Amino acid sequence: MFKRIPEKEIMEGEQATAYSNADFSEPHNLFVELISKLSMSRECSTILDIGIGDADIAIRLLKRFPKVHITGFDGSLTMLKYAEDKINKNQLAGKIDCRHGFIGDDLINDEKFDLVVSNSVLHHIKQTQSFWRLIKKATKEGGKFFIMDLLRPNSVDAAAALVEQYASDESAQLKEDFYNSLLAAYNLNEIEEQLQENSILDFNIQQITDRHFIVFGSMFA
């Protein structure tokens, strides 16, 4: 296993455009299906989406759970513009509150949420303590969190093979970004260490595909 190679934390310009134009229906539908299967949305009326991106997952969540209200934030203004366009196209204005800001900013004040979710954000972050600290702060006592992200492969050759397998028809920009994201991803041991270091004790961590993991649990004082 090679050491993690960090990448840029924020996607702007061509990177954001390539991401928004790509077809992520398979992993994004899986994200929503797992939340439903694990009953993470039971008695849930408010969701915080950390790194909402172009709001594709938030929109899919609302179509599955139409009674919830979603608050999301992202550090990329380009992504948030795509999010606004997609939210309006799906006639969901008022159901999704998008904010611009970064992990570590005081974006949510003292707001607490029934469910805190995040997809493909953790691998962008170098100082992961701020990520887990936000999850602890934002989740109601007894509330739940659900995180899905990429796993770092065993070798750079394995990373290249995953890009060819899953992104062969995508743009050169997206292929490059996917490859860099795989190299920047954490492995299961590193993620478990992060959780323990941040005193998040009630969690379940699982590898769910050849390139994804999930970690979920409840938050108690």
Protein backbone atom coordinates (compact mmCIF):
# COMPACT_ATOMS: atom_id res chain seq x y z
CA MET A 1 0.00 0.00 0.00
CA PHE A 2 1.48 3.33 -1.05
CA LYS A 3 1.18 6.52 0.99
CA ARG A 4 -1.72 8.87 0.37
CA ILE A 5 -1.03 11.61 -2.21
CA PRO A 6 -3.18 14.67 -1.35
CA GLU A 7 -5.09 16.58 -4.02
CA LYS A 8 -6.74 19.99 -4.14
CA GLU A 9 -9.51 20.39 -1.59
CA ILE A 10 -11.85 22.51 -3.75
CA MET A 11 -13.05 21.78 -7.30
CA GLU A 12 -13.49 24.90 -9.43
CA GLY A 13 -13.59 25.74 -13.14
CA GLU A 14 -13.07 22.81 -15.51
CA GLN A 15 -12.89 20.31 -12.66
CA ALA A 16 -16.33 21.30 -11.36
CA THR A 17 -17.79 21.32 -14.86
CA ALA A 18 -16.42 17.85 -15.64
CA TYR A 19 -17.81 16.52 -12.35
CA SER A 20 -21.26 18.04 -12.87
CA ASN A 21 -21.50 16.71 -16.43
CA ALA A 22 -20.41 13.18 -15.51
CA ASP A 23 -22.78 10.28 -14.91
CA PHE A 24 -22.62 9.36 -11.22
CA SER A 25 -26.06 7.75 -11.14
CA GLU A 26 -24.68 4.37 -10.00
CA PRO A 27 -22.83 5.50 -6.84
CA HIS A 28 -25.34 8.26 -6.08
CA ASN A 29 -28.30 5.89 -6.30
CA LEU A 30 -26.36 3.46 -4.11
CA PHE A 31 -25.84 6.26 -1.58
CA VAL A 32 -29.60 6.85 -1.34
CA GLU A 33 -30.45 3.14 -1.32
CA LEU A 34 -28.08 2.47 1.57
CA ILE A 35 -29.52 5.32 3.63
CA SER A 36 -32.96 3.80 3.09
CA LYS A 37 -31.82 0.21 3.74
CA LEU A 38 -30.03 1.16 6.96
CA SER A 39 -33.08 3.16 8.15
CA MET A 40 -30.88 6.24 8.50
CA SER A 41 -33.80 8.44 7.40
CA ARG A 42 -36.33 7.13 9.95
CA GLU A 43 -37.97 10.03 11.80
CA CYS A 44 -35.68 12.37 9.88
CA SER A 45 -36.87 15.86 8.92
CA THR A 46 -33.56 17.72 8.56
CA ILE A 47 -30.40 16.69 6.72
CA LEU A 48 -27.03 18.42 6.49
CA ASP A 49 -25.07 17.61 3.33
CA ILE A 50 -21.37 18.37 3.82
CA GLY A 51 -19.93 19.17 0.39
CA ILE A 52 -23.23 19.31 -1.49
CA GLY A 53 -21.50 19.83 -4.83
CA ASP A 54 -23.96 20.14 -7.70
CA ALA A 55 -26.79 18.88 -5.41
CA ASP A 56 -27.29 15.66 -7.38
CA ILE A 57 -27.41 13.51 -4.24
CA ALA A 58 -29.55 16.04 -2.35
CA ILE A 59 -32.08 15.97 -5.18
CA ARG A 60 -32.11 12.16 -5.20
CA LEU A 61 -32.62 12.15 -1.41
CA LEU A 62 -35.59 14.52 -1.70
CA LYS A 63 -37.19 12.40 -4.40
CA ARG A 64 -36.94 9.39 -2.06
CA PHE A 65 -37.78 11.29 1.15
CA PRO A 66 -39.92 14.27 0.06
CA LYS A 67 -40.74 15.48 3.60
CA VAL A 68 -37.16 16.32 4.57
CA HIS A 69 -35.41 19.68 4.30
CA ILE A 70 -31.76 19.66 3.25
CA THR A 71 -29.10 22.19 4.16
CA GLY A 72 -25.88 21.88 2.23
CA PHE A 73 -22.66 23.79 1.81
CA ASP A 74 -19.71 23.69 -0.52
CA GLY A 75 -16.49 25.61 -0.95
CA SER A 76 -16.82 25.75 -4.74
CA LEU A 77 -18.83 28.62 -6.21
CA THR A 78 -18.86 26.84 -9.56
CA MET A 79 -20.41 23.75 -7.98
CA LEU A 80 -23.03 25.84 -6.21
CA LYS A 81 -24.02 27.47 -9.50
CA TYR A 82 -24.61 24.02 -10.98
CA ALA A 83 -26.52 23.10 -7.81
CA GLU A 84 -28.80 26.12 -8.15
CA ASP A 85 -29.54 25.24 -11.80
CA LYS A 86 -30.35 21.59 -10.97
CA ILE A 87 -32.49 22.50 -7.95
CA ASN A 88 -34.55 24.94 -10.01
CA LYS A 89 -34.87 22.46 -12.88
CA ASN A 90 -36.29 19.90 -10.44
CA GLN A 91 -38.58 22.51 -8.84
CA LEU A 92 -37.06 21.98 -5.41
CA ALA A 93 -36.27 25.59 -4.48
CA GLY A 94 -37.13 26.04 -0.82
CA LYS A 95 -36.42 22.39 -0.04
CA ILE A 96 -32.63 22.68 -0.34
CA ASP A 97 -30.70 25.51 1.31
CA CYS A 98 -27.24 25.87 -0.28
CA ARG A 99 -24.50 27.86 1.43
CA HIS A 100 -21.00 28.80 0.36
CA GLY A 101 -18.24 28.03 2.85
CA PHE A 102 -15.56 25.67 3.98
CA ILE A 103 -15.22 22.99 6.63
CA GLY A 104 -14.00 24.84 9.68
CA ASP A 105 -16.11 27.93 8.92
CA ASP A 106 -18.99 28.71 11.27
CA LEU A 107 -21.62 27.82 8.68
CA ILE A 108 -24.29 26.21 10.79
CA ASN A 109 -24.03 28.22 14.03
CA ASP A 110 -25.80 26.08 16.63
CA GLU A 111 -28.06 24.23 14.18
CA LYS A 112 -28.48 20.52 14.78
CA PHE A 113 -29.64 17.97 12.21
CA ASP A 114 -31.37 14.59 12.36
CA LEU A 115 -28.99 13.19 9.75
CA VAL A 116 -25.59 14.43 8.56
CA VAL A 117 -24.35 13.04 5.24
CA SER A 118 -21.33 13.47 3.02
CA ASN A 119 -20.24 11.91 -0.25
CA SER A 120 -16.74 11.98 -1.72
CA VAL A 121 -15.50 14.84 0.45
CA LEU A 122 -13.22 13.18 3.00
CA HIS A 123 -10.54 12.24 0.46
CA HIS A 124 -10.10 15.94 -0.39
CA ILE A 125 -9.27 16.86 3.22
CA LYS A 126 -5.77 16.92 4.67
CA GLN A 127 -6.70 17.89 8.25
CA THR A 128 -9.50 15.41 8.84
CA GLN A 129 -10.14 16.44 12.45
CA SER A 130 -12.17 19.44 11.27
CA PHE A 131 -14.39 17.13 9.18
CA TRP A 132 -15.25 14.81 12.05
CA ARG A 133 -15.56 17.73 14.46
CA LEU A 134 -18.23 19.24 12.21
CA ILE A 135 -20.14 15.96 12.11
CA LYS A 136 -20.09 15.78 15.90
CA LYS A 137 -21.22 19.40 16.22
CA ALA A 138 -23.98 19.22 13.60
CA THR A 139 -25.62 15.91 14.52
CA LYS A 140 -28.41 16.01 17.11
CA GLU A 141 -27.93 13.89 20.19
CA GLY A 142 -29.31 10.56 19.09
CA GLY A 143 -29.09 11.69 15.47
CA LYS A 144 -27.25 9.80 12.76
CA PHE A 145 -24.46 10.29 10.26
CA PHE A 146 -23.72 8.56 6.97
CA ILE A 147 -20.49 9.02 5.01
CA MET A 148 -19.53 7.45 1.67
CA ASP A 149 -16.20 7.97 -0.02
CA LEU A 150 -13.46 6.45 -2.15
CA LEU A 151 -10.94 3.93 -0.86
CA ARG A 152 -7.27 4.12 -1.76
CA PRO A 153 -6.26 1.12 -3.91
CA ASN A 154 -3.23 -1.03 -3.11
CA SER A 155 -1.15 0.45 -5.93
CA VAL A 156 -1.08 3.22 -8.50
CA ASP A 157 -1.56 0.56 -11.19
CA ALA A 158 -4.75 -0.56 -9.46
CA ALA A 159 -5.92 3.06 -9.39
CA ALA A 160 -5.29 3.40 -13.13
CA ALA A 161 -7.22 0.18 -13.75
CA LEU A 162 -10.23 1.49 -11.82
CA VAL A 163 -10.21 4.67 -13.89
CA GLU A 164 -10.19 2.63 -17.09
CA GLN A 165 -12.96 0.35 -15.82
CA TYR A 166 -15.35 3.02 -14.60
CA ALA A 167 -14.48 6.22 -16.48
CA SER A 168 -13.26 5.12 -19.90
CA ASP A 169 -16.01 7.09 -21.65
CA GLU A 170 -15.61 10.23 -19.54
CA SER A 171 -13.61 13.37 -20.32
CA ALA A 172 -9.84 13.52 -19.90
CA GLN A 173 -10.37 16.00 -17.05
CA LEU A 174 -12.66 13.63 -15.16
CA LYS A 175 -10.31 10.69 -15.67
CA GLU A 176 -7.43 12.71 -14.26
CA ASP A 177 -9.53 13.87 -11.31
CA PHE A 178 -10.78 10.35 -10.57
CA TYR A 179 -7.22 9.00 -10.63
CA ASN A 180 -5.96 11.75 -8.32
CA SER A 181 -8.91 11.20 -5.98
CA LEU A 182 -8.13 7.49 -5.69
CA LEU A 183 -4.52 8.33 -4.80
CA ALA A 184 -5.76 10.85 -2.21
CA ALA A 185 -8.30 8.52 -0.61
CA TYR A 186 -7.87 6.96 2.84
CA ASN A 187 -7.87 3.25 3.63
CA LEU A 188 -10.15 1.61 6.18
CA ASN A 189 -7.55 1.53 8.96
CA GLU A 190 -6.85 5.25 8.56
CA ILE A 191 -10.55 6.08 8.65
CA GLU A 192 -11.12 3.98 11.76
CA GLU A 193 -8.19 5.75 13.44
CA GLN A 194 -9.72 9.12 12.56
CA LEU A 195 -13.03 8.14 14.16
CA GLN A 196 -11.38 6.89 17.33
CA GLU A 197 -9.13 9.94 17.60
CA ASN A 198 -12.21 12.16 17.41
CA SER A 199 -14.09 10.11 20.04
CA ILE A 200 -16.77 8.89 17.64
CA LEU A 201 -17.42 5.51 19.17
CA ASP A 202 -20.77 4.34 17.77
CA PHE A 203 -19.92 3.59 14.14
CA ASN A 204 -19.94 0.85 11.56
CA ILE A 205 -17.44 0.92 8.69
CA GLN A 206 -17.75 -1.24 5.59
CA GLN A 207 -16.22 -1.58 2.15
CA ILE A 208 -19.19 -1.72 -0.23
CA THR A 209 -17.59 -1.76 -3.70
CA ASP A 210 -14.12 -2.18 -5.14
CA ARG A 211 -13.62 1.57 -4.70
CA HIS A 212 -16.05 2.79 -2.01
CA PHE A 213 -16.55 2.53 1.74
CA ILE A 214 -19.32 3.73 4.02
CA VAL A 215 -19.20 4.69 7.68
CA PHE A 216 -22.38 5.32 9.62
CA GLY A 217 -23.62 5.51 13.16
CA SER A 218 -25.37 7.50 15.85
CA MET A 219 -24.13 10.46 17.81
CA PHE A 220 -24.41 10.58 21.57
CA ALA A 221 -23.05 13.12 24.07
